[in-house]
Each structure stands twice: as structure tokens, then as C-alpha cells.
Amino acid sequence: MGRAEGYVENYLVKKAKEKGFLCLKFTSPGIRGVPDRIVVGHGKTIFVETKSKTGTPSELQKLRIKQLRDHGAEVHIASSREQIDQILETI
């Protein structure tokens, strides 16, 4: 059984802060399915959807991620601490 999504999200928040990034909880009133976090630093802004090891994005989340990407946004999905580390190395 995988760990809860919060395990990955909390790690993202901790590591982003250690690297000097802003890591904001993303909510968009009236629009469901948006990624969990916005990470800002070193001249880049990315969206990160965190999942448990066994979790997958819902159809609505997949739609929102596609919409963001279609508009030029960088969006990542992470389900492990290792993936978080890889993502943070890109910014």
C-alpha cells in the first residue's frame, strides 16, 4: 500500500522552501481539478499535482492539466519524493 498524497505534498513544500522557492497551495474558486501547488523560483513558475504512489489524476484533473499545458504552462505530476527532487532540479 502506498503512502498518502500528503506525504509527497509535504515533502514538496519542505524541499521547495529549502531551495528558496515559493510553494503556494493552489485553489481556484469555481474551477475544480487544478494542480495542488504552484512553485515559483529562479525565474520560473510551475504547477505540481501530487499523488500517492498508487494514485492517478482524475479525468477532470487530466483535463485541467491539458488546458494549462495548452496555454504554455509547465505542469508536473509527482507521486514520490524522488520525482519531487527531479522536478525541483529543473527550476
N, C-alpha and C. Protein backbone atom coordinates (compact mmCIF):
# COMPACT_ATOMS: atom_id res chain seq x y z
N MET A 1 0.84 -1.18 0.00
CA MET A 1 0.00 0.00 0.00
C MET A 1 0.89 1.24 0.00
N GLY A 2 0.54 2.21 -0.82
CA GLY A 2 1.32 3.43 -0.92
C GLY A 2 1.02 4.41 0.20
N ARG A 3 1.87 5.39 0.30
CA ARG A 3 1.66 6.44 1.31
C ARG A 3 0.63 7.43 0.82
N ALA A 4 0.11 8.19 1.75
CA ALA A 4 -0.91 9.19 1.42
C ALA A 4 -0.31 10.31 0.56
N GLU A 5 -1.16 10.95 -0.21
CA GLU A 5 -0.75 12.06 -1.07
C GLU A 5 -0.04 13.15 -0.27
N GLY A 6 -0.49 13.39 0.95
CA GLY A 6 0.12 14.41 1.79
C GLY A 6 1.60 14.18 2.06
N TYR A 7 2.01 12.93 2.06
CA TYR A 7 3.42 12.57 2.26
C TYR A 7 4.27 13.20 1.15
N VAL A 8 3.80 13.13 -0.08
CA VAL A 8 4.52 13.70 -1.22
C VAL A 8 4.38 15.22 -1.22
N GLU A 9 3.18 15.71 -0.98
CA GLU A 9 2.95 17.17 -1.00
C GLU A 9 3.75 17.87 0.09
N ASN A 10 3.76 17.31 1.29
CA ASN A 10 4.52 17.92 2.38
C ASN A 10 6.02 17.95 2.07
N TYR A 11 6.50 16.91 1.43
CA TYR A 11 7.91 16.86 1.02
C TYR A 11 8.20 17.95 0.00
N LEU A 12 7.30 18.14 -0.96
CA LEU A 12 7.45 19.20 -1.95
C LEU A 12 7.57 20.56 -1.26
N VAL A 13 6.69 20.84 -0.34
CA VAL A 13 6.70 22.12 0.37
C VAL A 13 8.03 22.31 1.10
N LYS A 14 8.47 21.29 1.81
CA LYS A 14 9.71 21.36 2.59
C LYS A 14 10.92 21.59 1.68
N LYS A 15 11.05 20.79 0.63
CA LYS A 15 12.22 20.88 -0.24
C LYS A 15 12.22 22.18 -1.05
N ALA A 16 11.05 22.62 -1.48
CA ALA A 16 10.97 23.87 -2.22
C ALA A 16 11.44 25.03 -1.34
N LYS A 17 10.98 25.04 -0.11
CA LYS A 17 11.38 26.10 0.83
C LYS A 17 12.89 26.06 1.07
N GLU A 18 13.45 24.86 1.25
CA GLU A 18 14.89 24.72 1.46
C GLU A 18 15.69 25.29 0.29
N LYS A 19 15.14 25.19 -0.92
CA LYS A 19 15.84 25.66 -2.12
C LYS A 19 15.52 27.14 -2.42
N GLY A 20 14.73 27.77 -1.54
CA GLY A 20 14.43 29.18 -1.70
C GLY A 20 13.27 29.49 -2.64
N PHE A 21 12.45 28.49 -2.96
CA PHE A 21 11.30 28.70 -3.82
C PHE A 21 10.06 29.04 -3.00
N LEU A 22 9.13 29.73 -3.62
CA LEU A 22 7.79 29.84 -3.07
C LEU A 22 7.05 28.56 -3.48
N CYS A 23 6.27 28.02 -2.59
CA CYS A 23 5.47 26.83 -2.90
C CYS A 23 4.08 27.08 -2.35
N LEU A 24 3.21 27.55 -3.21
CA LEU A 24 1.89 28.01 -2.81
C LEU A 24 0.82 26.95 -3.06
N LYS A 25 -0.09 26.83 -2.11
CA LYS A 25 -1.25 25.97 -2.32
C LYS A 25 -2.13 26.64 -3.35
N PHE A 26 -2.51 25.88 -4.37
CA PHE A 26 -3.28 26.46 -5.47
C PHE A 26 -4.74 26.05 -5.35
N THR A 27 -5.59 27.04 -5.23
CA THR A 27 -7.03 26.81 -5.31
C THR A 27 -7.58 27.85 -6.27
N SER A 28 -8.56 27.45 -7.01
CA SER A 28 -9.18 28.35 -7.97
C SER A 28 -10.68 28.28 -7.77
N PRO A 29 -11.24 29.21 -7.00
CA PRO A 29 -12.67 29.16 -6.72
C PRO A 29 -13.50 29.03 -8.00
N GLY A 30 -14.38 28.07 -8.00
CA GLY A 30 -15.25 27.86 -9.14
C GLY A 30 -14.68 26.96 -10.22
N ILE A 31 -13.39 26.60 -10.09
CA ILE A 31 -12.76 25.71 -11.07
C ILE A 31 -12.12 24.55 -10.32
N ARG A 32 -12.71 23.39 -10.45
CA ARG A 32 -12.20 22.21 -9.76
C ARG A 32 -11.14 21.51 -10.62
N GLY A 33 -10.33 20.69 -9.96
CA GLY A 33 -9.38 19.86 -10.67
C GLY A 33 -8.03 20.50 -10.97
N VAL A 34 -7.77 21.68 -10.40
CA VAL A 34 -6.48 22.34 -10.66
C VAL A 34 -5.37 21.65 -9.85
N PRO A 35 -4.10 21.77 -10.29
CA PRO A 35 -3.00 21.15 -9.55
C PRO A 35 -2.92 21.66 -8.11
N ASP A 36 -2.28 20.86 -7.27
CA ASP A 36 -2.19 21.15 -5.84
C ASP A 36 -1.34 22.38 -5.51
N ARG A 37 -0.22 22.53 -6.21
CA ARG A 37 0.76 23.54 -5.82
C ARG A 37 1.28 24.33 -7.01
N ILE A 38 1.68 25.56 -6.73
CA ILE A 38 2.42 26.40 -7.67
C ILE A 38 3.79 26.64 -7.04
N VAL A 39 4.84 26.35 -7.79
CA VAL A 39 6.20 26.55 -7.31
C VAL A 39 6.82 27.67 -8.14
N VAL A 40 7.37 28.67 -7.44
CA VAL A 40 7.93 29.85 -8.10
C VAL A 40 9.35 30.05 -7.62
N GLY A 41 10.27 30.21 -8.56
CA GLY A 41 11.65 30.49 -8.19
C GLY A 41 12.57 30.49 -9.38
N HIS A 42 13.66 31.21 -9.26
CA HIS A 42 14.69 31.27 -10.29
C HIS A 42 14.11 31.63 -11.66
N GLY A 43 13.11 32.49 -11.66
CA GLY A 43 12.53 32.97 -12.90
C GLY A 43 11.54 32.04 -13.56
N LYS A 44 11.12 30.99 -12.87
CA LYS A 44 10.16 30.03 -13.44
C LYS A 44 8.97 29.86 -12.51
N THR A 45 7.87 29.50 -13.10
CA THR A 45 6.66 29.16 -12.35
C THR A 45 6.14 27.85 -12.92
N ILE A 46 5.94 26.87 -12.04
CA ILE A 46 5.42 25.58 -12.47
C ILE A 46 4.27 25.16 -11.57
N PHE A 47 3.43 24.29 -12.10
CA PHE A 47 2.34 23.69 -11.34
C PHE A 47 2.73 22.26 -11.04
N VAL A 48 2.38 21.80 -9.83
CA VAL A 48 2.67 20.41 -9.45
C VAL A 48 1.42 19.78 -8.85
N GLU A 49 1.01 18.67 -9.43
CA GLU A 49 -0.07 17.85 -8.90
C GLU A 49 0.58 16.68 -8.17
N THR A 50 0.32 16.55 -6.87
CA THR A 50 0.89 15.45 -6.11
C THR A 50 -0.13 14.33 -5.97
N LYS A 51 0.40 13.12 -5.98
CA LYS A 51 -0.41 11.92 -5.84
C LYS A 51 0.29 10.95 -4.92
N SER A 52 -0.47 10.00 -4.37
CA SER A 52 0.15 8.91 -3.64
C SER A 52 0.80 7.99 -4.66
N LYS A 53 1.59 7.04 -4.21
CA LYS A 53 2.25 6.08 -5.11
C LYS A 53 1.24 5.38 -6.01
N THR A 54 0.06 5.12 -5.48
CA THR A 54 -0.94 4.37 -6.24
C THR A 54 -2.00 5.28 -6.86
N GLY A 55 -1.92 6.57 -6.60
CA GLY A 55 -2.93 7.50 -7.11
C GLY A 55 -2.68 7.90 -8.54
N THR A 56 -3.73 8.23 -9.23
CA THR A 56 -3.65 8.75 -10.60
C THR A 56 -4.58 9.96 -10.70
N PRO A 57 -4.26 10.88 -11.60
CA PRO A 57 -5.14 12.05 -11.75
C PRO A 57 -6.53 11.63 -12.23
N SER A 58 -7.52 12.32 -11.73
CA SER A 58 -8.89 12.08 -12.18
C SER A 58 -9.03 12.61 -13.61
N GLU A 59 -10.12 12.27 -14.25
CA GLU A 59 -10.36 12.78 -15.61
C GLU A 59 -10.42 14.30 -15.61
N LEU A 60 -11.03 14.88 -14.59
CA LEU A 60 -11.11 16.34 -14.50
C LEU A 60 -9.70 16.94 -14.33
N GLN A 61 -8.88 16.32 -13.48
CA GLN A 61 -7.51 16.80 -13.30
C GLN A 61 -6.72 16.70 -14.61
N LYS A 62 -6.90 15.61 -15.33
CA LYS A 62 -6.22 15.46 -16.63
C LYS A 62 -6.64 16.57 -17.58
N LEU A 63 -7.91 16.91 -17.58
CA LEU A 63 -8.41 17.99 -18.42
C LEU A 63 -7.77 19.32 -18.04
N ARG A 64 -7.75 19.62 -16.74
CA ARG A 64 -7.16 20.89 -16.28
C ARG A 64 -5.67 20.96 -16.62
N ILE A 65 -4.95 19.85 -16.43
CA ILE A 65 -3.53 19.81 -16.74
C ILE A 65 -3.33 20.06 -18.24
N LYS A 66 -4.14 19.44 -19.06
CA LYS A 66 -4.06 19.65 -20.52
C LYS A 66 -4.34 21.11 -20.86
N GLN A 67 -5.36 21.69 -20.24
CA GLN A 67 -5.68 23.09 -20.51
C GLN A 67 -4.49 23.99 -20.16
N LEU A 68 -3.90 23.76 -19.00
CA LEU A 68 -2.76 24.57 -18.58
C LEU A 68 -1.60 24.40 -19.55
N ARG A 69 -1.30 23.16 -19.91
CA ARG A 69 -0.20 22.91 -20.85
C ARG A 69 -0.49 23.53 -22.22
N ASP A 70 -1.73 23.44 -22.66
CA ASP A 70 -2.11 24.03 -23.96
C ASP A 70 -1.91 25.54 -23.97
N HIS A 71 -1.92 26.15 -22.80
CA HIS A 71 -1.71 27.59 -22.68
C HIS A 71 -0.27 27.93 -22.30
N GLY A 72 0.61 26.94 -22.41
CA GLY A 72 2.03 27.20 -22.21
C GLY A 72 2.56 26.98 -20.81
N ALA A 73 1.74 26.49 -19.90
CA ALA A 73 2.19 26.26 -18.53
C ALA A 73 2.97 24.96 -18.42
N GLU A 74 3.91 24.95 -17.50
CA GLU A 74 4.66 23.74 -17.19
C GLU A 74 3.95 23.07 -16.01
N VAL A 75 3.52 21.84 -16.20
CA VAL A 75 2.77 21.11 -15.18
C VAL A 75 3.40 19.74 -14.99
N HIS A 76 3.63 19.39 -13.73
CA HIS A 76 4.22 18.08 -13.39
C HIS A 76 3.26 17.32 -12.48
N ILE A 77 3.34 16.00 -12.57
CA ILE A 77 2.62 15.12 -11.66
C ILE A 77 3.68 14.32 -10.92
N ALA A 78 3.61 14.33 -9.59
CA ALA A 78 4.62 13.63 -8.79
C ALA A 78 3.95 12.71 -7.78
N SER A 79 4.44 11.49 -7.73
CA SER A 79 3.90 10.52 -6.77
C SER A 79 4.99 9.91 -5.89
N SER A 80 6.16 10.55 -5.87
CA SER A 80 7.24 10.08 -4.99
C SER A 80 8.16 11.24 -4.64
N ARG A 81 8.92 11.04 -3.59
CA ARG A 81 9.89 12.05 -3.21
C ARG A 81 10.98 12.19 -4.27
N GLU A 82 11.32 11.09 -4.90
CA GLU A 82 12.33 11.13 -5.95
C GLU A 82 11.87 12.00 -7.13
N GLN A 83 10.60 11.89 -7.48
CA GLN A 83 10.07 12.73 -8.55
C GLN A 83 10.08 14.20 -8.16
N ILE A 84 9.79 14.48 -6.91
CA ILE A 84 9.86 15.87 -6.42
C ILE A 84 11.27 16.40 -6.57
N ASP A 85 12.25 15.61 -6.15
CA ASP A 85 13.65 16.03 -6.29
C ASP A 85 13.99 16.33 -7.74
N GLN A 86 13.56 15.49 -8.66
CA GLN A 86 13.83 15.69 -10.09
C GLN A 86 13.17 16.97 -10.60
N ILE A 87 11.96 17.20 -10.20
CA ILE A 87 11.23 18.40 -10.64
C ILE A 87 11.94 19.66 -10.15
N LEU A 88 12.32 19.67 -8.88
CA LEU A 88 12.97 20.85 -8.32
C LEU A 88 14.33 21.11 -8.93
N GLU A 89 14.97 20.08 -9.45
CA GLU A 89 16.26 20.27 -10.12
C GLU A 89 16.09 20.98 -11.46
N THR A 90 14.87 20.94 -12.04
CA THR A 90 14.64 21.57 -13.34
C THR A 90 14.42 23.07 -13.24
N ILE A 91 14.17 23.58 -12.02
CA ILE A 91 13.93 25.03 -11.90
C ILE A 91 15.00 25.70 -11.06
